[in-house]
Amino acid sequence: MTRSRLVDLLEAEGVDAAAYRVDGTSEDECLVLEVAPGGWAVYYAERGLRTEERQFDTEDEACRFMLDRLLADPGNRRRA
């Protein structure tokens, strides 16, 4: 899976775009996917801190992990 495919899936599932970033930019209270030395990183950004950081060898692994995390939390869905 690629980042663009991840975004397509998240949009189709109604995940609020404010809940994530896939371009490595870090904003408060969102899950971030970024290219890291030797692979990819996914972490939760909050008040300038990176928490719950996980490292992955491939973009596919990082995207699948991020998809699962975002879909598992119903609070990430857009509000009607």
PDB file of N, CA and C in Angstrom:
ATOM      1  N   MET A   1       0.844  -1.175   0.000  1.00  0.00           N
ATOM      2  CA  MET A   1       0.000   0.000   0.000  1.00  0.00           C
ATOM      3  C   MET A   1       0.893   1.243   0.000  1.00  0.00           C
ATOM      4  N   THR A   2       0.447   2.253  -0.693  1.00  0.00           N
ATOM      5  CA  THR A   2       1.158   3.522  -0.747  1.00  0.00           C
ATOM      6  C   THR A   2       0.401   4.566   0.088  1.00  0.00           C
ATOM      7  N   ARG A   3       1.051   5.696   0.317  1.00  0.00           N
ATOM      8  CA  ARG A   3       0.393   6.762   1.077  1.00  0.00           C
ATOM      9  C   ARG A   3      -0.855   7.264   0.363  1.00  0.00           C
ATOM     10  N   SER A   4      -0.804   7.379  -0.959  1.00  0.00           N
ATOM     11  CA  SER A   4      -1.983   7.872  -1.680  1.00  0.00           C
ATOM     12  C   SER A   4      -3.136   6.880  -1.583  1.00  0.00           C
ATOM     13  N   ARG A   5      -2.837   5.597  -1.634  1.00  0.00           N
ATOM     14  CA  ARG A   5      -3.889   4.577  -1.468  1.00  0.00           C
ATOM     15  C   ARG A   5      -4.444   4.623  -0.046  1.00  0.00           C
ATOM     16  N   LEU A   6      -3.579   4.816   0.944  1.00  0.00           N
ATOM     17  CA  LEU A   6      -4.012   4.934   2.328  1.00  0.00           C
ATOM     18  C   LEU A   6      -5.005   6.080   2.475  1.00  0.00           C
ATOM     19  N   VAL A   7      -4.677   7.229   1.929  1.00  0.00           N
ATOM     20  CA  VAL A   7      -5.568   8.390   2.017  1.00  0.00           C
ATOM     21  C   VAL A   7      -6.910   8.083   1.358  1.00  0.00           C
ATOM     22  N   ASP A   8      -6.891   7.428   0.198  1.00  0.00           N
ATOM     23  CA  ASP A   8      -8.138   7.054  -0.478  1.00  0.00           C
ATOM     24  C   ASP A   8      -9.003   6.171   0.415  1.00  0.00           C
ATOM     25  N   LEU A   9      -8.389   5.190   1.057  1.00  0.00           N
ATOM     26  CA  LEU A   9      -9.136   4.282   1.938  1.00  0.00           C
ATOM     27  C   LEU A   9      -9.691   5.016   3.158  1.00  0.00           C
ATOM     28  N   LEU A  10      -8.886   5.889   3.736  1.00  0.00           N
ATOM     29  CA  LEU A  10      -9.337   6.626   4.912  1.00  0.00           C
ATOM     30  C   LEU A  10     -10.500   7.552   4.562  1.00  0.00           C
ATOM     31  N   GLU A  11     -10.424   8.202   3.404  1.00  0.00           N
ATOM     32  CA  GLU A  11     -11.526   9.057   2.967  1.00  0.00           C
ATOM     33  C   GLU A  11     -12.793   8.244   2.744  1.00  0.00           C
ATOM     34  N   ALA A  12     -12.651   7.075   2.121  1.00  0.00           N
ATOM     35  CA  ALA A  12     -13.805   6.212   1.869  1.00  0.00           C
ATOM     36  C   ALA A  12     -14.445   5.721   3.160  1.00  0.00           C
ATOM     37  N   GLU A  13     -13.646   5.578   4.206  1.00  0.00           N
ATOM     38  CA  GLU A  13     -14.147   5.109   5.505  1.00  0.00           C
ATOM     39  C   GLU A  13     -14.653   6.245   6.387  1.00  0.00           C
ATOM     40  N   GLY A  14     -14.545   7.475   5.903  1.00  0.00           N
ATOM     41  CA  GLY A  14     -15.045   8.614   6.663  1.00  0.00           C
ATOM     42  C   GLY A  14     -14.152   9.064   7.796  1.00  0.00           C
ATOM     43  N   VAL A  15     -12.856   8.772   7.689  1.00  0.00           N
ATOM     44  CA  VAL A  15     -11.911   9.216   8.729  1.00  0.00           C
ATOM     45  C   VAL A  15     -11.620  10.694   8.522  1.00  0.00           C
ATOM     46  N   ASP A  16     -11.724  11.457   9.589  1.00  0.00           N
ATOM     47  CA  ASP A  16     -11.474  12.894   9.558  1.00  0.00           C
ATOM     48  C   ASP A  16     -10.012  13.150   9.182  1.00  0.00           C
ATOM     49  N   ALA A  17      -9.790  13.989   8.185  1.00  0.00           N
ATOM     50  CA  ALA A  17      -8.427  14.288   7.729  1.00  0.00           C
ATOM     51  C   ALA A  17      -7.582  14.939   8.826  1.00  0.00           C
ATOM     52  N   ALA A  18      -8.205  15.544   9.815  1.00  0.00           N
ATOM     53  CA  ALA A  18      -7.460  16.153  10.923  1.00  0.00           C
ATOM     54  C   ALA A  18      -6.846  15.107  11.844  1.00  0.00           C
ATOM     55  N   ALA A  19      -7.244  13.841  11.701  1.00  0.00           N
ATOM     56  CA  ALA A  19      -6.753  12.773  12.568  1.00  0.00           C
ATOM     57  C   ALA A  19      -5.409  12.210  12.120  1.00  0.00           C
ATOM     58  N   TYR A  20      -4.928  12.611  10.935  1.00  0.00           N
ATOM     59  CA  TYR A  20      -3.692  12.016  10.422  1.00  0.00           C
ATOM     60  C   TYR A  20      -2.956  12.948   9.469  1.00  0.00           C
ATOM     61  N   ARG A  21      -1.672  12.644   9.282  1.00  0.00           N
ATOM     62  CA  ARG A  21      -0.823  13.291   8.288  1.00  0.00           C
ATOM     63  C   ARG A  21       0.028  12.200   7.659  1.00  0.00           C
ATOM     64  N   VAL A  22       0.137  12.212   6.336  1.00  0.00           N
ATOM     65  CA  VAL A  22       0.957  11.200   5.660  1.00  0.00           C
ATOM     66  C   VAL A  22       2.164  11.812   4.959  1.00  0.00           C
ATOM     67  N   ASP A  23       2.352  13.110   5.142  1.00  0.00           N
ATOM     68  CA  ASP A  23       3.460  13.781   4.468  1.00  0.00           C
ATOM     69  C   ASP A  23       4.599  14.129   5.414  1.00  0.00           C
ATOM     70  N   GLY A  24       4.542  13.593   6.652  1.00  0.00           N
ATOM     71  CA  GLY A  24       5.610  13.837   7.608  1.00  0.00           C
ATOM     72  C   GLY A  24       5.459  15.113   8.392  1.00  0.00           C
ATOM     73  N   THR A  25       4.461  15.934   8.053  1.00  0.00           N
ATOM     74  CA  THR A  25       4.249  17.139   8.851  1.00  0.00           C
ATOM     75  C   THR A  25       3.551  16.754  10.146  1.00  0.00           C
ATOM     76  N   SER A  26       3.991  17.341  11.203  1.00  0.00           N
ATOM     77  CA  SER A  26       3.482  16.982  12.519  1.00  0.00           C
ATOM     78  C   SER A  26       2.603  18.095  13.064  1.00  0.00           C
ATOM     79  N   GLU A  27       1.353  17.785  13.310  1.00  0.00           N
ATOM     80  CA  GLU A  27       0.441  18.716  13.944  1.00  0.00           C
ATOM     81  C   GLU A  27      -0.045  18.074  15.224  1.00  0.00           C
ATOM     82  N   ASP A  28      -0.492  18.895  16.155  1.00  0.00           N
ATOM     83  CA  ASP A  28      -0.935  18.352  17.435  1.00  0.00           C
ATOM     84  C   ASP A  28      -2.134  17.428  17.297  1.00  0.00           C
ATOM     85  N   GLU A  29      -2.088  16.380  18.091  1.00  0.00           N
ATOM     86  CA  GLU A  29      -3.163  15.414  18.232  1.00  0.00           C
ATOM     87  C   GLU A  29      -3.566  14.754  16.923  1.00  0.00           C
ATOM     88  N   CYS A  30      -2.571  14.172  16.252  1.00  0.00           N
ATOM     89  CA  CYS A  30      -2.858  13.384  15.057  1.00  0.00           C
ATOM     90  C   CYS A  30      -1.792  12.298  14.891  1.00  0.00           C
ATOM     91  N   LEU A  31      -2.134  11.297  14.117  1.00  0.00           N
ATOM     92  CA  LEU A  31      -1.213  10.219  13.794  1.00  0.00           C
ATOM     93  C   LEU A  31      -0.429  10.631  12.554  1.00  0.00           C
ATOM     94  N   VAL A  32       0.889  10.457  12.595  1.00  0.00           N
ATOM     95  CA  VAL A  32       1.768  10.936  11.526  1.00  0.00           C
ATOM     96  C   VAL A  32       2.537   9.765  10.913  1.00  0.00           C
ATOM     97  N   LEU A  33       2.618   9.768   9.584  1.00  0.00           N
ATOM     98  CA  LEU A  33       3.425   8.803   8.830  1.00  0.00           C
ATOM     99  C   LEU A  33       4.527   9.588   8.151  1.00  0.00           C
ATOM    100  N   GLU A  34       5.773   9.174   8.342  1.00  0.00           N
ATOM    101  CA  GLU A  34       6.880   9.882   7.701  1.00  0.00           C
ATOM    102  C   GLU A  34       7.989   8.925   7.311  1.00  0.00           C
ATOM    103  N   VAL A  35       8.759   9.365   6.322  1.00  0.00           N
ATOM    104  CA  VAL A  35       9.960   8.637   5.938  1.00  0.00           C
ATOM    105  C   VAL A  35      10.968   8.838   7.061  1.00  0.00           C
ATOM    106  N   ALA A  36      11.591   7.746   7.490  1.00  0.00           N
ATOM    107  CA  ALA A  36      12.566   7.795   8.577  1.00  0.00           C
ATOM    108  C   ALA A  36      13.862   7.143   8.095  1.00  0.00           C
ATOM    109  N   PRO A  37      14.967   7.383   8.784  1.00  0.00           N
ATOM    110  CA  PRO A  37      16.210   6.719   8.398  1.00  0.00           C
ATOM    111  C   PRO A  37      16.024   5.193   8.361  1.00  0.00           C
ATOM    112  N   GLY A  38      16.264   4.614   7.217  1.00  0.00           N
ATOM    113  CA  GLY A  38      16.160   3.170   7.073  1.00  0.00           C
ATOM    114  C   GLY A  38      14.753   2.640   6.902  1.00  0.00           C
ATOM    115  N   GLY A  39      13.757   3.530   6.717  1.00  0.00           N
ATOM    116  CA  GLY A  39      12.401   3.031   6.537  1.00  0.00           C
ATOM    117  C   GLY A  39      11.347   4.088   6.755  1.00  0.00           C
ATOM    118  N   TRP A  40      10.362   3.723   7.573  1.00  0.00           N
ATOM    119  CA  TRP A  40       9.190   4.565   7.797  1.00  0.00           C
ATOM    120  C   TRP A  40       8.870   4.596   9.283  1.00  0.00           C
ATOM    121  N   ALA A  41       8.246   5.680   9.724  1.00  0.00           N
ATOM    122  CA  ALA A  41       7.838   5.807  11.119  1.00  0.00           C
ATOM    123  C   ALA A  41       6.376   6.240  11.181  1.00  0.00           C
ATOM    124  N   VAL A  42       5.673   5.721  12.177  1.00  0.00           N
ATOM    125  CA  VAL A  42       4.312   6.145  12.486  1.00  0.00           C
ATOM    126  C   VAL A  42       4.308   6.490  13.962  1.00  0.00           C
ATOM    127  N   TYR A  43       3.769   7.664  14.292  1.00  0.00           N
ATOM    128  CA  TYR A  43       3.724   8.085  15.690  1.00  0.00           C
ATOM    129  C   TYR A  43       2.544   9.023  15.915  1.00  0.00           C
ATOM    130  N   TYR A  44       2.202   9.189  17.182  1.00  0.00           N
ATOM    131  CA  TYR A  44       1.164  10.140  17.555  1.00  0.00           C
ATOM    132  C   TYR A  44       1.853  11.431  17.984  1.00  0.00           C
ATOM    133  N   ALA A  45       1.447  12.541  17.371  1.00  0.00           N
ATOM    134  CA  ALA A  45       2.020  13.840  17.687  1.00  0.00           C
ATOM    135  C   ALA A  45       1.095  14.584  18.644  1.00  0.00           C
ATOM    136  N   GLU A  46       1.681  15.044  19.755  1.00  0.00           N
ATOM    137  CA  GLU A  46       0.895  15.769  20.744  1.00  0.00           C
ATOM    138  C   GLU A  46       1.803  16.731  21.494  1.00  0.00           C
ATOM    139  N   ARG A  47       1.474  18.004  21.433  1.00  0.00           N
ATOM    140  CA  ARG A  47       2.230  19.055  22.120  1.00  0.00           C
ATOM    141  C   ARG A  47       3.726  18.990  21.818  1.00  0.00           C
ATOM    142  N   GLY A  48       4.048  18.775  20.573  1.00  0.00           N
ATOM    143  CA  GLY A  48       5.447  18.742  20.160  1.00  0.00           C
ATOM    144  C   GLY A  48       6.180  17.444  20.456  1.00  0.00           C
ATOM    145  N   LEU A  49       5.485  16.470  21.029  1.00  0.00           N
ATOM    146  CA  LEU A  49       6.104  15.186  21.354  1.00  0.00           C
ATOM    147  C   LEU A  49       5.656  14.103  20.388  1.00  0.00           C
ATOM    148  N   ARG A  50       6.535  13.113  20.207  1.00  0.00           N
ATOM    149  CA  ARG A  50       6.222  11.935  19.398  1.00  0.00           C
ATOM    150  C   ARG A  50       6.024  10.773  20.361  1.00  0.00           C
ATOM    151  N   THR A  51       4.824  10.249  20.429  1.00  0.00           N
ATOM    152  CA  THR A  51       4.554   9.134  21.328  1.00  0.00           C
ATOM    153  C   THR A  51       4.107   7.917  20.526  1.00  0.00           C
ATOM    154  N   GLU A  52       4.228   6.771  21.155  1.00  0.00           N
ATOM    155  CA  GLU A  52       3.798   5.498  20.548  1.00  0.00           C
ATOM    156  C   GLU A  52       4.431   5.283  19.177  1.00  0.00           C
ATOM    157  N   GLU A  53       5.687   5.691  19.027  1.00  0.00           N
ATOM    158  CA  GLU A  53       6.355   5.596  17.728  1.00  0.00           C
ATOM    159  C   GLU A  53       6.696   4.152  17.389  1.00  0.00           C
ATOM    160  N   ARG A  54       6.421   3.806  16.137  1.00  0.00           N
ATOM    161  CA  ARG A  54       6.762   2.485  15.602  1.00  0.00           C
ATOM    162  C   ARG A  54       7.548   2.676  14.313  1.00  0.00           C
ATOM    163  N   GLN A  55       8.550   1.824  14.105  1.00  0.00           N
ATOM    164  CA  GLN A  55       9.387   1.865  12.911  1.00  0.00           C
ATOM    165  C   GLN A  55       9.020   0.697  11.998  1.00  0.00           C
ATOM    166  N   PHE A  56       9.084   0.941  10.690  1.00  0.00           N
ATOM    167  CA  PHE A  56       8.752  -0.082   9.694  1.00  0.00           C
ATOM    168  C   PHE A  56       9.783  -0.056   8.579  1.00  0.00           C
ATOM    169  N   ASP A  57       9.995  -1.214   7.984  1.00  0.00           N
ATOM    170  CA  ASP A  57      10.950  -1.314   6.881  1.00  0.00           C
ATOM    171  C   ASP A  57      10.378  -0.796   5.572  1.00  0.00           C
ATOM    172  N   THR A  58       9.060  -0.964   5.383  1.00  0.00           N
ATOM    173  CA  THR A  58       8.450  -0.597   4.101  1.00  0.00           C
ATOM    174  C   THR A  58       7.279   0.363   4.280  1.00  0.00           C
ATOM    175  N   GLU A  59       7.002   1.085   3.208  1.00  0.00           N
ATOM    176  CA  GLU A  59       5.841   1.976   3.185  1.00  0.00           C
ATOM    177  C   GLU A  59       4.557   1.166   3.376  1.00  0.00           C
ATOM    178  N   ASP A  60       4.480   0.007   2.761  1.00  0.00           N
ATOM    179  CA  ASP A  60       3.298  -0.845   2.875  1.00  0.00           C
ATOM    180  C   ASP A  60       3.008  -1.196   4.332  1.00  0.00           C
ATOM    181  N   GLU A  61       4.026  -1.634   5.067  1.00  0.00           N
ATOM    182  CA  GLU A  61       3.836  -1.993   6.479  1.00  0.00           C
ATOM    183  C   GLU A  61       3.368  -0.797   7.299  1.00  0.00           C
ATOM    184  N   ALA A  62       3.980   0.344   7.078  1.00  0.00           N
ATOM    185  CA  ALA A  62       3.618   1.548   7.824  1.00  0.00           C
ATOM    186  C   ALA A  62       2.192   1.980   7.506  1.00  0.00           C
ATOM    187  N   CYS A  63       1.818   1.935   6.247  1.00  0.00           N
ATOM    188  CA  CYS A  63       0.469   2.328   5.846  1.00  0.00           C
ATOM    189  C   CYS A  63      -0.578   1.383   6.426  1.00  0.00           C
ATOM    190  N   ARG A  64      -0.316   0.096   6.393  1.00  0.00           N
ATOM    191  CA  ARG A  64      -1.279  -0.870   6.945  1.00  0.00           C
ATOM    192  C   ARG A  64      -1.446  -0.686   8.450  1.00  0.00           C
ATOM    193  N   PHE A  65      -0.350  -0.436   9.152  1.00  0.00           N
ATOM    194  CA  PHE A  65      -0.422  -0.189  10.584  1.00  0.00           C
ATOM    195  C   PHE A  65      -1.254   1.062  10.857  1.00  0.00           C
ATOM    196  N   MET A  66      -0.973   2.128  10.116  1.00  0.00           N
ATOM    197  CA  MET A  66      -1.695   3.385  10.318  1.00  0.00           C
ATOM    198  C   MET A  66      -3.175   3.217  10.006  1.00  0.00           C
ATOM    199  N   LEU A  67      -3.507   2.528   8.939  1.00  0.00           N
ATOM    200  CA  LEU A  67      -4.908   2.265   8.589  1.00  0.00           C
ATOM    201  C   LEU A  67      -5.619   1.546   9.725  1.00  0.00           C
ATOM    202  N   ASP A  68      -5.002   0.499  10.234  1.00  0.00           N
ATOM    203  CA  ASP A  68      -5.607  -0.265  11.336  1.00  0.00           C
ATOM    204  C   ASP A  68      -5.818   0.607  12.563  1.00  0.00           C
ATOM    205  N   ARG A  69      -4.824   1.412  12.912  1.00  0.00           N
ATOM    206  CA  ARG A  69      -4.937   2.297  14.095  1.00  0.00           C
ATOM    207  C   ARG A  69      -6.068   3.291  13.939  1.00  0.00           C
ATOM    208  N   LEU A  70      -6.147   3.918  12.778  1.00  0.00           N
ATOM    209  CA  LEU A  70      -7.167   4.947  12.572  1.00  0.00           C
ATOM    210  C   LEU A  70      -8.569   4.360  12.511  1.00  0.00           C
ATOM    211  N   LEU A  71      -8.720   3.203  11.884  1.00  0.00           N
ATOM    212  CA  LEU A  71     -10.045   2.590  11.786  1.00  0.00           C
ATOM    213  C   LEU A  71     -10.517   1.998  13.109  1.00  0.00           C
ATOM    214  N   ALA A  72      -9.589   1.644  13.971  1.00  0.00           N
ATOM    215  CA  ALA A  72      -9.946   1.032  15.254  1.00  0.00           C
ATOM    216  C   ALA A  72     -10.561   2.033  16.233  1.00  0.00           C
ATOM    217  N   ASP A  73     -10.325   3.319  16.013  1.00  0.00           N
ATOM    218  CA  ASP A  73     -10.828   4.344  16.936  1.00  0.00           C
ATOM    219  C   ASP A  73     -11.994   5.089  16.293  1.00  0.00           C
ATOM    220  N   PRO A  74     -13.228   4.847  16.743  1.00  0.00           N
ATOM    221  CA  PRO A  74     -14.385   5.514  16.144  1.00  0.00           C
ATOM    222  C   PRO A  74     -14.348   7.033  16.308  1.00  0.00           C
ATOM    223  N   GLY A  75     -13.555   7.545  17.225  1.00  0.00           N
ATOM    224  CA  GLY A  75     -13.428   8.982  17.420  1.00  0.00           C
ATOM    225  C   GLY A  75     -12.740   9.674  16.259  1.00  0.00           C
ATOM    226  N   ASN A  76     -12.139   8.901  15.350  1.00  0.00           N
ATOM    227  CA  ASN A  76     -11.467   9.474  14.182  1.00  0.00           C
ATOM    228  C   ASN A  76     -12.418   9.739  13.011  1.00  0.00           C
ATOM    229  N   ARG A  77     -13.661   9.328  13.139  1.00  0.00           N
ATOM    230  CA  ARG A  77     -14.611   9.499  12.043  1.00  0.00           C
ATOM    231  C   ARG A  77     -15.103  10.947  11.972  1.00  0.00           C
ATOM    232  N   ARG A  78     -15.404  11.383  10.735  1.00  0.00           N
ATOM    233  CA  ARG A  78     -15.973  12.714  10.545  1.00  0.00           C
ATOM    234  C   ARG A  78     -17.317  12.791  11.239  1.00  0.00           C
ATOM    235  N   ARG A  79     -17.599  13.934  11.781  1.00  0.00           N
ATOM    236  CA  ARG A  79     -18.875  14.158  12.454  1.00  0.00           C
ATOM    237  C   ARG A  79     -19.873  14.711  11.439  1.00  0.00           C
ATOM    238  N   ALA A  80     -21.072  14.224  11.517  1.00  0.00           N
ATOM    239  CA  ALA A  80     -22.118  14.669  10.570  1.00  0.00           C
ATOM    240  C   ALA A  80     -22.694  16.014  10.958  1.00  0.00           C
TER     241      ALA A  80
END
